[in-house]
């Protein structure tokens, strides 16, 4: 709510797809949309920020793809995701880190 011009797009498919769609519908917002699967080369060039919210991940190709496009990544503290990332431990921290990155030009310049 602090950043009304910010839009969020969720990509990917899996067992939670319908749950995500239902949650967005219940929220009644047009600022969050679930897109399903789209190839990274079509989505990432338009992205300003990449969130990887998995709490366990052996190897995240999507994080590497985002970094290859020069996009700052907000991710949980998973070993091996050390460069070009901002870590979070809770949902509130996700929101705080995203807001901080999008509003702090000096921090943004680091990434």
N, C-alpha and C. Protein backbone atom coordinates (compact mmCIF):
# COMPACT_ATOMS: atom_id res chain seq x y z
N UNK A 1 0.80 -1.20 0.00
CA UNK A 1 0.00 0.00 0.00
C UNK A 1 0.85 1.27 0.00
N UNK A 2 2.08 1.16 0.46
CA UNK A 2 2.98 2.32 0.48
C UNK A 2 3.45 2.72 -0.91
N UNK A 3 3.34 1.81 -1.86
CA UNK A 3 3.86 2.05 -3.21
C UNK A 3 2.77 1.71 -4.23
N UNK A 4 1.76 2.56 -4.37
CA UNK A 4 0.60 2.23 -5.20
C UNK A 4 0.90 2.07 -6.68
N UNK A 5 2.02 2.59 -7.16
CA UNK A 5 2.34 2.46 -8.58
C UNK A 5 3.05 1.14 -8.90
N UNK A 6 3.43 0.40 -7.86
CA UNK A 6 4.16 -0.85 -8.06
C UNK A 6 3.21 -1.97 -8.44
N UNK A 7 3.58 -2.69 -9.49
CA UNK A 7 2.81 -3.86 -9.93
C UNK A 7 3.66 -5.10 -9.75
N UNK A 8 3.01 -6.20 -9.36
CA UNK A 8 3.71 -7.45 -9.11
C UNK A 8 3.16 -8.51 -10.05
N UNK A 9 4.06 -9.25 -10.69
CA UNK A 9 3.66 -10.35 -11.57
C UNK A 9 4.29 -11.62 -11.03
N UNK A 10 3.48 -12.66 -10.91
CA UNK A 10 3.95 -13.95 -10.41
C UNK A 10 3.99 -14.91 -11.59
N UNK A 11 5.15 -15.55 -11.77
CA UNK A 11 5.34 -16.49 -12.88
C UNK A 11 5.68 -17.87 -12.33
N UNK A 12 5.32 -18.88 -13.10
CA UNK A 12 5.63 -20.26 -12.74
C UNK A 12 4.36 -21.07 -12.60
N UNK A 13 4.53 -22.36 -12.56
CA UNK A 13 3.39 -23.26 -12.39
C UNK A 13 3.74 -24.28 -11.31
N UNK A 14 2.72 -24.89 -10.77
CA UNK A 14 2.94 -25.91 -9.75
C UNK A 14 1.68 -26.17 -8.97
N UNK A 15 1.82 -26.90 -7.89
CA UNK A 15 0.66 -27.33 -7.11
C UNK A 15 -0.06 -26.16 -6.44
N UNK A 16 0.57 -25.02 -6.30
CA UNK A 16 -0.07 -23.87 -5.65
C UNK A 16 -0.68 -22.88 -6.64
N UNK A 17 -0.68 -23.19 -7.92
CA UNK A 17 -1.19 -22.25 -8.93
C UNK A 17 -2.61 -21.79 -8.64
N UNK A 18 -3.52 -22.71 -8.39
CA UNK A 18 -4.91 -22.31 -8.14
C UNK A 18 -5.03 -21.57 -6.81
N UNK A 19 -4.25 -21.95 -5.82
CA UNK A 19 -4.27 -21.25 -4.54
C UNK A 19 -3.81 -19.79 -4.72
N UNK A 20 -2.77 -19.59 -5.50
CA UNK A 20 -2.27 -18.23 -5.75
C UNK A 20 -3.33 -17.40 -6.46
N UNK A 21 -3.96 -17.97 -7.48
CA UNK A 21 -5.01 -17.26 -8.22
C UNK A 21 -6.16 -16.90 -7.29
N UNK A 22 -6.61 -17.84 -6.46
CA UNK A 22 -7.70 -17.57 -5.52
C UNK A 22 -7.32 -16.50 -4.52
N UNK A 23 -6.10 -16.54 -4.03
CA UNK A 23 -5.65 -15.54 -3.06
C UNK A 23 -5.65 -14.14 -3.67
N UNK A 24 -5.16 -14.03 -4.89
CA UNK A 24 -5.15 -12.73 -5.57
C UNK A 24 -6.58 -12.23 -5.77
N UNK A 25 -7.48 -13.12 -6.18
CA UNK A 25 -8.88 -12.74 -6.37
C UNK A 25 -9.52 -12.28 -5.06
N UNK A 26 -9.24 -12.98 -3.97
CA UNK A 26 -9.80 -12.58 -2.67
C UNK A 26 -9.26 -11.23 -2.21
N UNK A 27 -8.01 -10.94 -2.58
CA UNK A 27 -7.42 -9.66 -2.19
C UNK A 27 -8.07 -8.50 -2.93
N UNK A 28 -8.64 -8.78 -4.09
CA UNK A 28 -9.32 -7.75 -4.85
C UNK A 28 -8.40 -6.65 -5.37
N UNK A 29 -7.20 -7.02 -5.75
CA UNK A 29 -6.25 -6.03 -6.24
C UNK A 29 -5.95 -6.26 -7.71
N UNK A 30 -5.70 -5.18 -8.42
CA UNK A 30 -5.29 -5.31 -9.81
C UNK A 30 -3.78 -5.07 -9.94
N UNK A 31 -3.10 -4.93 -8.81
CA UNK A 31 -1.64 -4.69 -8.82
C UNK A 31 -0.84 -5.98 -8.78
N UNK A 32 -1.51 -7.11 -8.52
CA UNK A 32 -0.84 -8.41 -8.49
C UNK A 32 -1.51 -9.30 -9.53
N UNK A 33 -0.71 -9.91 -10.39
CA UNK A 33 -1.29 -10.81 -11.39
C UNK A 33 -0.46 -12.09 -11.47
N UNK A 34 -1.17 -13.19 -11.69
CA UNK A 34 -0.52 -14.49 -11.84
C UNK A 34 -0.48 -14.82 -13.31
N UNK A 35 0.71 -15.01 -13.85
CA UNK A 35 0.90 -15.17 -15.29
C UNK A 35 1.14 -16.62 -15.71
N UNK A 36 1.39 -17.52 -14.77
CA UNK A 36 1.71 -18.90 -15.14
C UNK A 36 3.10 -18.98 -15.73
N UNK A 37 3.29 -19.89 -16.68
CA UNK A 37 4.62 -20.06 -17.27
C UNK A 37 4.82 -19.11 -18.43
N UNK A 38 5.96 -18.47 -18.44
CA UNK A 38 6.44 -17.66 -19.56
C UNK A 38 7.94 -17.87 -19.64
N UNK A 39 8.51 -17.97 -20.83
CA UNK A 39 9.96 -18.13 -20.94
C UNK A 39 10.69 -16.92 -20.34
N UNK A 40 11.78 -17.20 -19.65
CA UNK A 40 12.54 -16.14 -18.97
C UNK A 40 12.97 -15.04 -19.93
N UNK A 41 13.35 -15.38 -21.14
CA UNK A 41 13.84 -14.36 -22.08
C UNK A 41 12.75 -13.38 -22.51
N UNK A 42 11.48 -13.72 -22.26
CA UNK A 42 10.39 -12.79 -22.58
C UNK A 42 10.01 -11.93 -21.38
N UNK A 43 10.21 -12.45 -20.19
CA UNK A 43 9.77 -11.77 -18.97
C UNK A 43 10.86 -10.90 -18.36
N UNK A 44 12.04 -11.44 -18.22
CA UNK A 44 13.10 -10.75 -17.47
C UNK A 44 13.55 -9.42 -18.05
N UNK A 45 13.60 -9.23 -19.36
CA UNK A 45 14.03 -7.92 -19.85
C UNK A 45 13.13 -6.77 -19.39
N UNK A 46 11.88 -7.06 -19.02
CA UNK A 46 10.94 -6.03 -18.58
C UNK A 46 10.92 -5.87 -17.06
N UNK A 47 11.60 -6.76 -16.34
CA UNK A 47 11.54 -6.76 -14.87
C UNK A 47 12.49 -5.74 -14.27
N UNK A 48 12.06 -5.16 -13.17
CA UNK A 48 12.92 -4.23 -12.43
C UNK A 48 13.55 -4.93 -11.23
N UNK A 49 12.87 -5.93 -10.70
CA UNK A 49 13.29 -6.62 -9.50
C UNK A 49 12.82 -8.07 -9.58
N UNK A 50 13.57 -8.99 -9.00
CA UNK A 50 13.22 -10.41 -9.03
C UNK A 50 13.13 -10.92 -7.60
N UNK A 51 12.00 -11.54 -7.26
CA UNK A 51 11.83 -12.15 -5.94
C UNK A 51 11.86 -13.66 -6.08
N UNK A 52 12.70 -14.31 -5.31
CA UNK A 52 12.74 -15.78 -5.23
C UNK A 52 12.35 -16.11 -3.81
N UNK A 53 11.13 -16.58 -3.61
CA UNK A 53 10.61 -16.74 -2.25
C UNK A 53 10.70 -18.17 -1.73
N UNK A 54 11.37 -19.05 -2.46
CA UNK A 54 11.55 -20.42 -1.97
C UNK A 54 12.35 -20.41 -0.67
N UNK A 55 11.95 -21.28 0.26
CA UNK A 55 12.73 -21.38 1.50
C UNK A 55 13.73 -22.52 1.42
N UNK A 56 13.65 -23.33 0.37
CA UNK A 56 14.68 -24.34 0.13
C UNK A 56 14.80 -24.53 -1.37
N UNK A 57 16.00 -24.52 -1.84
CA UNK A 57 16.25 -24.62 -3.27
C UNK A 57 17.67 -25.14 -3.44
N UNK A 58 17.81 -26.25 -4.15
CA UNK A 58 19.15 -26.79 -4.37
C UNK A 58 19.95 -25.91 -5.31
N UNK A 59 19.34 -25.55 -6.42
CA UNK A 59 20.02 -24.73 -7.42
C UNK A 59 18.94 -23.96 -8.16
N UNK A 60 19.00 -22.65 -8.13
CA UNK A 60 17.94 -21.84 -8.73
C UNK A 60 18.40 -21.25 -10.05
N UNK A 61 17.98 -21.88 -11.12
CA UNK A 61 18.29 -21.36 -12.44
C UNK A 61 17.64 -19.99 -12.64
N UNK A 62 16.44 -19.80 -12.08
CA UNK A 62 15.75 -18.53 -12.26
C UNK A 62 16.52 -17.36 -11.64
N UNK A 63 17.16 -17.59 -10.50
CA UNK A 63 17.98 -16.54 -9.88
C UNK A 63 19.16 -16.20 -10.78
N UNK A 64 19.81 -17.22 -11.32
CA UNK A 64 20.94 -16.98 -12.23
C UNK A 64 20.49 -16.25 -13.49
N UNK A 65 19.32 -16.61 -14.01
CA UNK A 65 18.80 -15.93 -15.20
C UNK A 65 18.54 -14.46 -14.91
N UNK A 66 17.93 -14.17 -13.76
CA UNK A 66 17.67 -12.77 -13.39
C UNK A 66 18.98 -12.01 -13.25
N UNK A 67 19.96 -12.61 -12.61
CA UNK A 67 21.25 -11.96 -12.43
C UNK A 67 21.93 -11.73 -13.78
N UNK A 68 21.77 -12.66 -14.70
CA UNK A 68 22.36 -12.50 -16.04
C UNK A 68 21.78 -11.30 -16.76
N UNK A 69 20.52 -10.95 -16.45
CA UNK A 69 19.89 -9.78 -17.04
C UNK A 69 20.17 -8.52 -16.23
N UNK A 70 20.98 -8.64 -15.16
CA UNK A 70 21.33 -7.49 -14.34
C UNK A 70 20.22 -7.03 -13.42
N UNK A 71 19.32 -7.93 -13.06
CA UNK A 71 18.18 -7.59 -12.22
C UNK A 71 18.51 -7.90 -10.76
N UNK A 72 18.32 -6.95 -9.84
CA UNK A 72 18.51 -7.24 -8.43
C UNK A 72 17.57 -8.35 -7.97
N UNK A 73 18.06 -9.22 -7.10
CA UNK A 73 17.30 -10.37 -6.63
C UNK A 73 17.07 -10.26 -5.13
N UNK A 74 15.82 -10.44 -4.71
CA UNK A 74 15.48 -10.56 -3.30
C UNK A 74 15.16 -12.03 -3.09
N UNK A 75 15.90 -12.69 -2.19
CA UNK A 75 15.74 -14.12 -2.00
C UNK A 75 15.92 -14.50 -0.54
N UNK A 76 15.42 -15.67 -0.18
CA UNK A 76 15.68 -16.18 1.16
C UNK A 76 17.16 -16.52 1.26
N UNK A 77 17.65 -16.65 2.46
CA UNK A 77 19.08 -16.89 2.69
C UNK A 77 19.40 -18.36 2.43
N UNK A 78 19.54 -18.68 1.15
CA UNK A 78 19.85 -20.03 0.72
C UNK A 78 21.33 -20.07 0.36
N UNK A 79 22.08 -21.02 0.91
CA UNK A 79 23.51 -21.09 0.57
C UNK A 79 23.73 -21.13 -0.94
N UNK A 80 24.69 -20.35 -1.39
CA UNK A 80 25.01 -20.32 -2.81
C UNK A 80 24.40 -19.14 -3.55
N UNK A 81 23.53 -18.38 -2.90
CA UNK A 81 22.92 -17.21 -3.52
C UNK A 81 23.53 -15.95 -2.93
N UNK A 82 24.82 -15.81 -3.02
CA UNK A 82 25.49 -14.75 -2.28
C UNK A 82 25.67 -13.45 -3.04
N UNK A 83 25.81 -13.48 -4.35
CA UNK A 83 26.17 -12.27 -5.07
C UNK A 83 24.94 -11.63 -5.73
N UNK A 84 24.77 -10.34 -5.54
CA UNK A 84 23.68 -9.61 -6.18
C UNK A 84 22.32 -9.89 -5.57
N UNK A 85 22.31 -10.25 -4.30
CA UNK A 85 21.04 -10.58 -3.68
C UNK A 85 20.83 -9.81 -2.39
N UNK A 86 19.56 -9.68 -2.01
CA UNK A 86 19.17 -9.12 -0.73
C UNK A 86 18.37 -10.21 -0.04
N UNK A 87 18.72 -10.56 1.18
CA UNK A 87 18.09 -11.68 1.86
C UNK A 87 16.92 -11.25 2.73
N UNK A 88 15.98 -12.20 2.95
CA UNK A 88 14.85 -11.97 3.85
C UNK A 88 14.61 -13.22 4.68
N UNK A 89 13.96 -13.03 5.82
CA UNK A 89 13.61 -14.15 6.69
C UNK A 89 12.11 -14.24 6.95
N UNK A 90 11.33 -13.24 6.54
CA UNK A 90 9.90 -13.25 6.81
C UNK A 90 9.15 -12.50 5.70
N UNK A 91 7.85 -12.65 5.68
CA UNK A 91 7.03 -11.96 4.68
C UNK A 91 7.16 -10.45 4.83
N UNK A 92 7.16 -9.98 6.08
CA UNK A 92 7.32 -8.54 6.30
C UNK A 92 8.67 -8.07 5.77
N UNK A 93 9.69 -8.88 5.96
CA UNK A 93 11.01 -8.50 5.46
C UNK A 93 11.03 -8.43 3.94
N UNK A 94 10.27 -9.30 3.27
CA UNK A 94 10.19 -9.23 1.81
C UNK A 94 9.70 -7.84 1.41
N UNK A 95 8.57 -7.43 1.99
CA UNK A 95 7.99 -6.13 1.66
C UNK A 95 8.96 -5.00 1.99
N UNK A 96 9.60 -5.08 3.14
CA UNK A 96 10.55 -4.04 3.54
C UNK A 96 11.74 -3.96 2.58
N UNK A 97 12.28 -5.12 2.19
CA UNK A 97 13.45 -5.14 1.29
C UNK A 97 13.08 -4.63 -0.10
N UNK A 98 11.91 -5.02 -0.60
CA UNK A 98 11.47 -4.54 -1.91
C UNK A 98 11.31 -3.02 -1.87
N UNK A 99 10.62 -2.53 -0.85
CA UNK A 99 10.42 -1.08 -0.72
C UNK A 99 11.75 -0.35 -0.60
N UNK A 100 12.65 -0.89 0.20
CA UNK A 100 13.96 -0.27 0.38
C UNK A 100 14.72 -0.20 -0.95
N UNK A 101 14.72 -1.29 -1.69
CA UNK A 101 15.43 -1.30 -2.98
C UNK A 101 14.83 -0.32 -3.97
N UNK A 102 13.50 -0.25 -4.01
CA UNK A 102 12.84 0.59 -5.00
C UNK A 102 12.85 2.07 -4.65
N UNK A 103 13.16 2.40 -3.40
CA UNK A 103 13.12 3.81 -2.99
C UNK A 103 14.49 4.38 -2.61
N UNK A 104 15.48 3.55 -2.44
CA UNK A 104 16.81 4.00 -2.03
C UNK A 104 17.75 3.95 -3.23
N UNK A 105 17.98 5.10 -3.85
CA UNK A 105 18.81 5.15 -5.06
C UNK A 105 20.24 4.69 -4.81
N UNK A 106 20.80 4.99 -3.64
CA UNK A 106 22.17 4.57 -3.33
C UNK A 106 22.25 3.05 -3.25
N UNK A 107 21.28 2.43 -2.58
CA UNK A 107 21.25 0.97 -2.49
C UNK A 107 21.02 0.36 -3.87
N UNK A 108 20.10 0.94 -4.63
CA UNK A 108 19.82 0.44 -5.98
C UNK A 108 21.09 0.46 -6.83
N UNK A 109 21.90 1.51 -6.66
CA UNK A 109 23.13 1.64 -7.44
C UNK A 109 24.14 0.53 -7.18
N UNK A 110 24.07 -0.08 -6.01
CA UNK A 110 24.97 -1.19 -5.68
C UNK A 110 24.69 -2.39 -6.58
N UNK A 111 23.43 -2.56 -6.93
CA UNK A 111 23.03 -3.72 -7.71
C UNK A 111 23.02 -3.40 -9.19
